[in-house]
Amino acid sequence: MRVVPSARTAARAGFAAVAASALTLGLATSASAATSTRTIVDGTTTYNLSLTAPNPLSSAGQVVNVTGSGYNTSQGIYVGLCVVGGAQGAAKPTPCLGGQDETGATGASHWVNNTFGGLFANSSKFGTGGTLDVNIYVNPDLGHGNVCGDNVTCAIVTRADHFDTNDRKYDVHVPVTFN
């Protein structure tokens, strides 16, 4: 025996589907992300770097997902929230939230390195094609009187790791604000 839904039941199901789609679309567009790009030449290779992070951020602090692509997998990088000044690559992004978090206690930075990534807290290796997909903890108070949006300009950044700390080629900044 085949049960045929009533017109009212079909209408309710259709309305529920439309409402769920609208809610999903509304949620997807309410969270915004910012992307920053930079093209660099390192030796004879050109890298088209891209870094994406959410913006604005919660002033109460939150864990955010940061993605990137086009990185040189032979050059390790840090991902974190840092004070920035000037154009990408003009000056080392510093200070950064969490400082040099060697124990991984704060989760405020992430180290991406194909030799040692995954061996330490808050570290990983690059994905195929120099991609990254990491989570970091952010809040506007970087310590020592540095507060994002109050007295310093901040961005989610990538920068060369401690093996080549003065190399500014892999600096990419995604400027952020806090609610």
C-alpha atoms as a PDB file:
ATOM      1  CA  MET A   1       0.000   0.000   0.000  1.00  0.00           C
ATOM      2  CA  ARG A   2       1.394   3.394  -0.946  1.00  0.00           C
ATOM      3  CA  VAL A   3       0.929   6.339   1.394  1.00  0.00           C
ATOM      4  CA  VAL A   4       0.501   9.680  -0.347  1.00  0.00           C
ATOM      5  CA  PRO A   5       1.352  12.703   1.767  1.00  0.00           C
ATOM      6  CA  SER A   6      -1.320  15.323   2.106  1.00  0.00           C
ATOM      7  CA  ALA A   7      -0.885  18.696   0.452  1.00  0.00           C
ATOM      8  CA  ARG A   8      -0.404  20.239   3.900  1.00  0.00           C
ATOM      9  CA  THR A   9       2.410  17.792   4.771  1.00  0.00           C
ATOM     10  CA  ALA A  10       4.112  18.423   1.423  1.00  0.00           C
ATOM     11  CA  ALA A  11       3.814  22.186   1.910  1.00  0.00           C
ATOM     12  CA  ARG A  12       5.322  21.949   5.408  1.00  0.00           C
ATOM     13  CA  ALA A  13       8.211  19.835   4.131  1.00  0.00           C
ATOM     14  CA  GLY A  14       8.845  22.311   1.314  1.00  0.00           C
ATOM     15  CA  PHE A  15       8.734  25.263   3.723  1.00  0.00           C
ATOM     16  CA  ALA A  16      11.120  23.501   6.111  1.00  0.00           C
ATOM     17  CA  ALA A  17      13.585  22.846   3.278  1.00  0.00           C
ATOM     18  CA  VAL A  18      13.441  26.481   2.109  1.00  0.00           C
ATOM     19  CA  ALA A  19      13.836  27.760   5.695  1.00  0.00           C
ATOM     20  CA  ALA A  20      16.798  25.462   6.338  1.00  0.00           C
ATOM     21  CA  SER A  21      18.453  26.623   3.099  1.00  0.00           C
ATOM     22  CA  ALA A  22      17.924  30.274   4.008  1.00  0.00           C
ATOM     23  CA  LEU A  23      19.312  29.737   7.492  1.00  0.00           C
ATOM     24  CA  THR A  24      22.350  27.940   6.119  1.00  0.00           C
ATOM     25  CA  LEU A  25      22.960  30.683   3.557  1.00  0.00           C
ATOM     26  CA  GLY A  26      22.556  33.348   6.239  1.00  0.00           C
ATOM     27  CA  LEU A  27      25.084  31.660   8.498  1.00  0.00           C
ATOM     28  CA  ALA A  28      27.535  31.172   5.677  1.00  0.00           C
ATOM     29  CA  THR A  29      27.484  34.828   4.696  1.00  0.00           C
ATOM     30  CA  SER A  30      27.520  36.267   8.220  1.00  0.00           C
ATOM     31  CA  ALA A  31      31.012  34.959   8.928  1.00  0.00           C
ATOM     32  CA  SER A  32      33.471  36.738   6.725  1.00  0.00           C
ATOM     33  CA  ALA A  33      36.987  35.859   5.798  1.00  0.00           C
ATOM     34  CA  ALA A  34      39.773  38.013   4.473  1.00  0.00           C
ATOM     35  CA  THR A  35      42.424  36.834   2.057  1.00  0.00           C
ATOM     36  CA  SER A  36      45.801  38.353   1.394  1.00  0.00           C
ATOM     37  CA  THR A  37      48.057  37.393  -1.476  1.00  0.00           C
ATOM     38  CA  ARG A  38      51.669  38.001  -2.372  1.00  0.00           C
ATOM     39  CA  THR A  39      53.863  36.876  -5.253  1.00  0.00           C
ATOM     40  CA  ILE A  40      57.553  36.399  -4.487  1.00  0.00           C
ATOM     41  CA  VAL A  41      60.560  35.057  -6.320  1.00  0.00           C
ATOM     42  CA  ASP A  42      62.934  32.886  -4.319  1.00  0.00           C
ATOM     43  CA  GLY A  43      65.914  31.893  -6.427  1.00  0.00           C
ATOM     44  CA  THR A  44      64.453  30.845  -9.774  1.00  0.00           C
ATOM     45  CA  THR A  45      61.031  29.861  -8.412  1.00  0.00           C
ATOM     46  CA  THR A  46      57.979  32.115  -8.232  1.00  0.00           C
ATOM     47  CA  TYR A  47      55.566  31.499  -5.350  1.00  0.00           C
ATOM     48  CA  ASN A  48      52.007  32.824  -5.362  1.00  0.00           C
ATOM     49  CA  LEU A  49      51.227  32.961  -1.657  1.00  0.00           C
ATOM     50  CA  SER A  50      47.678  33.163  -0.353  1.00  0.00           C
ATOM     51  CA  LEU A  51      46.550  33.386   3.278  1.00  0.00           C
ATOM     52  CA  THR A  52      42.923  33.406   4.496  1.00  0.00           C
ATOM     53  CA  ALA A  53      41.674  34.152   8.010  1.00  0.00           C
ATOM     54  CA  PRO A  54      38.353  35.200   9.541  1.00  0.00           C
ATOM     55  CA  ASN A  55      37.647  38.888  10.175  1.00  0.00           C
ATOM     56  CA  PRO A  56      36.417  40.405  12.454  1.00  0.00           C
ATOM     57  CA  LEU A  57      37.514  38.385  15.478  1.00  0.00           C
ATOM     58  CA  SER A  58      35.984  38.120  18.944  1.00  0.00           C
ATOM     59  CA  SER A  59      37.611  40.406  21.512  1.00  0.00           C
ATOM     60  CA  ALA A  60      36.861  37.696  24.091  1.00  0.00           C
ATOM     61  CA  GLY A  61      39.356  35.436  22.308  1.00  0.00           C
ATOM     62  CA  GLN A  62      38.704  32.507  20.022  1.00  0.00           C
ATOM     63  CA  VAL A  63      40.298  29.701  18.047  1.00  0.00           C
ATOM     64  CA  VAL A  64      40.386  30.541  14.342  1.00  0.00           C
ATOM     65  CA  ASN A  65      41.121  28.464  11.268  1.00  0.00           C
ATOM     66  CA  VAL A  66      43.786  29.844   8.933  1.00  0.00           C
ATOM     67  CA  THR A  67      44.437  28.431   5.466  1.00  0.00           C
ATOM     68  CA  GLY A  68      47.112  29.162   2.927  1.00  0.00           C
ATOM     69  CA  SER A  69      48.630  27.972  -0.304  1.00  0.00           C
ATOM     70  CA  GLY A  70      51.628  28.411  -2.562  1.00  0.00           C
ATOM     71  CA  TYR A  71      54.311  28.227   0.134  1.00  0.00           C
ATOM     72  CA  ASN A  72      57.839  26.894  -0.360  1.00  0.00           C
ATOM     73  CA  THR A  73      57.806  23.568   1.496  1.00  0.00           C
ATOM     74  CA  SER A  74      61.566  23.881   2.088  1.00  0.00           C
ATOM     75  CA  GLN A  75      61.049  27.075   4.139  1.00  0.00           C
ATOM     76  CA  GLY A  76      59.314  26.600   7.480  1.00  0.00           C
ATOM     77  CA  ILE A  77      56.912  29.298   8.647  1.00  0.00           C
ATOM     78  CA  TYR A  78      55.057  30.429  11.741  1.00  0.00           C
ATOM     79  CA  VAL A  79      51.370  31.344  11.636  1.00  0.00           C
ATOM     80  CA  GLY A  80      50.153  33.721  14.335  1.00  0.00           C
ATOM     81  CA  LEU A  81      48.597  37.039  15.332  1.00  0.00           C
ATOM     82  CA  CYS A  82      51.274  39.736  15.255  1.00  0.00           C
ATOM     83  CA  VAL A  83      51.804  43.478  15.230  1.00  0.00           C
ATOM     84  CA  VAL A  84      52.500  44.659  11.695  1.00  0.00           C
ATOM     85  CA  GLY A  85      53.882  47.874  10.280  1.00  0.00           C
ATOM     86  CA  GLY A  86      54.095  48.674   6.602  1.00  0.00           C
ATOM     87  CA  ALA A  87      53.788  46.463   3.577  1.00  0.00           C
ATOM     88  CA  GLN A  88      54.195  42.696   3.633  1.00  0.00           C
ATOM     89  CA  GLY A  89      57.907  41.925   3.816  1.00  0.00           C
ATOM     90  CA  ALA A  90      58.878  45.468   4.856  1.00  0.00           C
ATOM     91  CA  ALA A  91      59.435  44.715   8.543  1.00  0.00           C
ATOM     92  CA  LYS A  92      59.350  41.573  10.698  1.00  0.00           C
ATOM     93  CA  PRO A  93      55.866  41.062  12.184  1.00  0.00           C
ATOM     94  CA  THR A  94      56.489  41.307  15.945  1.00  0.00           C
ATOM     95  CA  PRO A  95      55.576  41.001  18.758  1.00  0.00           C
ATOM     96  CA  CYS A  96      53.208  38.096  18.318  1.00  0.00           C
ATOM     97  CA  LEU A  97      50.542  36.692  20.637  1.00  0.00           C
ATOM     98  CA  GLY A  98      52.028  33.957  22.798  1.00  0.00           C
ATOM     99  CA  GLY A  99      55.634  34.905  22.039  1.00  0.00           C
ATOM    100  CA  GLN A 100      57.883  31.917  21.447  1.00  0.00           C
ATOM    101  CA  ASP A 101      55.474  29.233  22.630  1.00  0.00           C
ATOM    102  CA  GLU A 102      57.825  26.241  22.587  1.00  0.00           C
ATOM    103  CA  THR A 103      55.582  24.130  24.827  1.00  0.00           C
ATOM    104  CA  GLY A 104      52.415  24.728  22.800  1.00  0.00           C
ATOM    105  CA  ALA A 105      50.600  25.865  25.955  1.00  0.00           C
ATOM    106  CA  THR A 106      48.880  28.907  24.443  1.00  0.00           C
ATOM    107  CA  GLY A 107      47.992  27.594  20.982  1.00  0.00           C
ATOM    108  CA  ALA A 108      48.554  31.157  19.767  1.00  0.00           C
ATOM    109  CA  SER A 109      50.921  30.147  16.995  1.00  0.00           C
ATOM    110  CA  HIS A 110      51.471  27.222  14.691  1.00  0.00           C
ATOM    111  CA  TRP A 111      54.732  26.035  13.135  1.00  0.00           C
ATOM    112  CA  VAL A 112      54.586  24.569   9.625  1.00  0.00           C
ATOM    113  CA  ASN A 113      57.821  22.776   8.697  1.00  0.00           C
ATOM    114  CA  ASN A 114      58.266  19.713   6.515  1.00  0.00           C
ATOM    115  CA  THR A 115      61.224  18.364   8.512  1.00  0.00           C
ATOM    116  CA  PHE A 116      59.954  18.731  12.087  1.00  0.00           C
ATOM    117  CA  GLY A 117      56.235  19.452  11.614  1.00  0.00           C
ATOM    118  CA  GLY A 118      53.999  17.159  13.646  1.00  0.00           C
ATOM    119  CA  LEU A 119      56.745  16.273  16.118  1.00  0.00           C
ATOM    120  CA  PHE A 120      55.933  19.155  18.480  1.00  0.00           C
ATOM    121  CA  ALA A 121      52.783  20.743  19.876  1.00  0.00           C
ATOM    122  CA  ASN A 122      51.075  23.135  17.445  1.00  0.00           C
ATOM    123  CA  SER A 123      53.143  22.040  14.460  1.00  0.00           C
ATOM    124  CA  SER A 124      52.414  20.329  11.167  1.00  0.00           C
ATOM    125  CA  LYS A 125      53.802  19.713   7.705  1.00  0.00           C
ATOM    126  CA  PHE A 126      52.727  21.510   4.542  1.00  0.00           C
ATOM    127  CA  GLY A 127      50.067  19.864   2.447  1.00  0.00           C
ATOM    128  CA  THR A 128      50.378  19.203  -1.273  1.00  0.00           C
ATOM    129  CA  GLY A 129      51.473  22.278  -3.219  1.00  0.00           C
ATOM    130  CA  GLY A 130      52.600  24.205  -0.144  1.00  0.00           C
ATOM    131  CA  THR A 131      49.170  24.384   1.501  1.00  0.00           C
ATOM    132  CA  LEU A 132      48.434  24.869   5.176  1.00  0.00           C
ATOM    133  CA  ASP A 133      45.285  24.486   7.269  1.00  0.00           C
ATOM    134  CA  VAL A 134      45.869  25.332  10.942  1.00  0.00           C
ATOM    135  CA  ASN A 135      44.059  26.548  14.029  1.00  0.00           C
ATOM    136  CA  ILE A 136      45.412  29.272  16.303  1.00  0.00           C
ATOM    137  CA  TYR A 137      44.060  31.033  19.379  1.00  0.00           C
ATOM    138  CA  VAL A 138      43.721  34.819  19.101  1.00  0.00           C
ATOM    139  CA  ASN A 139      42.754  37.702  21.359  1.00  0.00           C
ATOM    140  CA  PRO A 140      43.502  41.421  21.025  1.00  0.00           C
ATOM    141  CA  ASP A 141      45.803  41.718  24.067  1.00  0.00           C
ATOM    142  CA  LEU A 142      49.281  40.692  22.916  1.00  0.00           C
ATOM    143  CA  GLY A 143      50.808  41.610  26.278  1.00  0.00           C
ATOM    144  CA  HIS A 144      53.275  44.315  27.326  1.00  0.00           C
ATOM    145  CA  GLY A 145      50.728  47.044  26.521  1.00  0.00           C
ATOM    146  CA  ASN A 146      50.176  45.949  22.905  1.00  0.00           C
ATOM    147  CA  VAL A 147      46.432  45.825  22.213  1.00  0.00           C
ATOM    148  CA  CYS A 148      45.241  45.257  18.659  1.00  0.00           C
ATOM    149  CA  GLY A 149      43.132  48.150  17.421  1.00  0.00           C
ATOM    150  CA  ASP A 150      43.936  50.349  20.442  1.00  0.00           C
ATOM    151  CA  ASN A 151      47.605  51.166  20.024  1.00  0.00           C
ATOM    152  CA  VAL A 152      48.926  48.673  17.442  1.00  0.00           C
ATOM    153  CA  THR A 153      47.856  47.319  14.061  1.00  0.00           C
ATOM    154  CA  CYS A 154      47.538  43.544  13.980  1.00  0.00           C
ATOM    155  CA  ALA A 155      47.238  40.842  11.354  1.00  0.00           C
ATOM    156  CA  ILE A 156      47.162  37.077  11.076  1.00  0.00           C
ATOM    157  CA  VAL A 157      50.559  36.448   9.500  1.00  0.00           C
ATOM    158  CA  THR A 158      52.942  33.900   8.131  1.00  0.00           C
ATOM    159  CA  ARG A 159      56.631  34.576   8.578  1.00  0.00           C
ATOM    160  CA  ALA A 160      59.813  32.554   8.186  1.00  0.00           C
ATOM    161  CA  ASP A 161      60.522  30.205  11.088  1.00  0.00           C
ATOM    162  CA  HIS A 162      63.522  30.359  13.437  1.00  0.00           C
ATOM    163  CA  PHE A 163      65.785  28.630  10.893  1.00  0.00           C
ATOM    164  CA  ASP A 164      65.633  31.774   8.709  1.00  0.00           C
ATOM    165  CA  THR A 165      64.079  34.359  11.010  1.00  0.00           C
ATOM    166  CA  ASN A 166      65.326  37.415   9.086  1.00  0.00           C
ATOM    167  CA  ASP A 167      63.917  36.262   5.723  1.00  0.00           C
ATOM    168  CA  ARG A 168      60.966  38.547   4.923  1.00  0.00           C
ATOM    169  CA  LYS A 169      60.001  36.820   1.636  1.00  0.00           C
ATOM    170  CA  TYR A 170      57.345  34.598   3.229  1.00  0.00           C
ATOM    171  CA  ASP A 171      55.637  37.317   5.260  1.00  0.00           C
ATOM    172  CA  VAL A 172      51.952  37.485   4.373  1.00  0.00           C
ATOM    173  CA  HIS A 173      49.561  39.650   6.440  1.00  0.00           C
ATOM    174  CA  VAL A 174      45.779  39.381   6.716  1.00  0.00           C
ATOM    175  CA  PRO A 175      44.791  42.539   8.640  1.00  0.00           C
ATOM    176  CA  VAL A 176      42.166  41.841  11.312  1.00  0.00           C
ATOM    177  CA  THR A 177      39.918  43.749  13.666  1.00  0.00           C
ATOM    178  CA  PHE A 178      38.242  42.680  16.884  1.00  0.00           C
ATOM    179  CA  ASN A 179      34.592  43.143  17.870  1.00  0.00           C
END
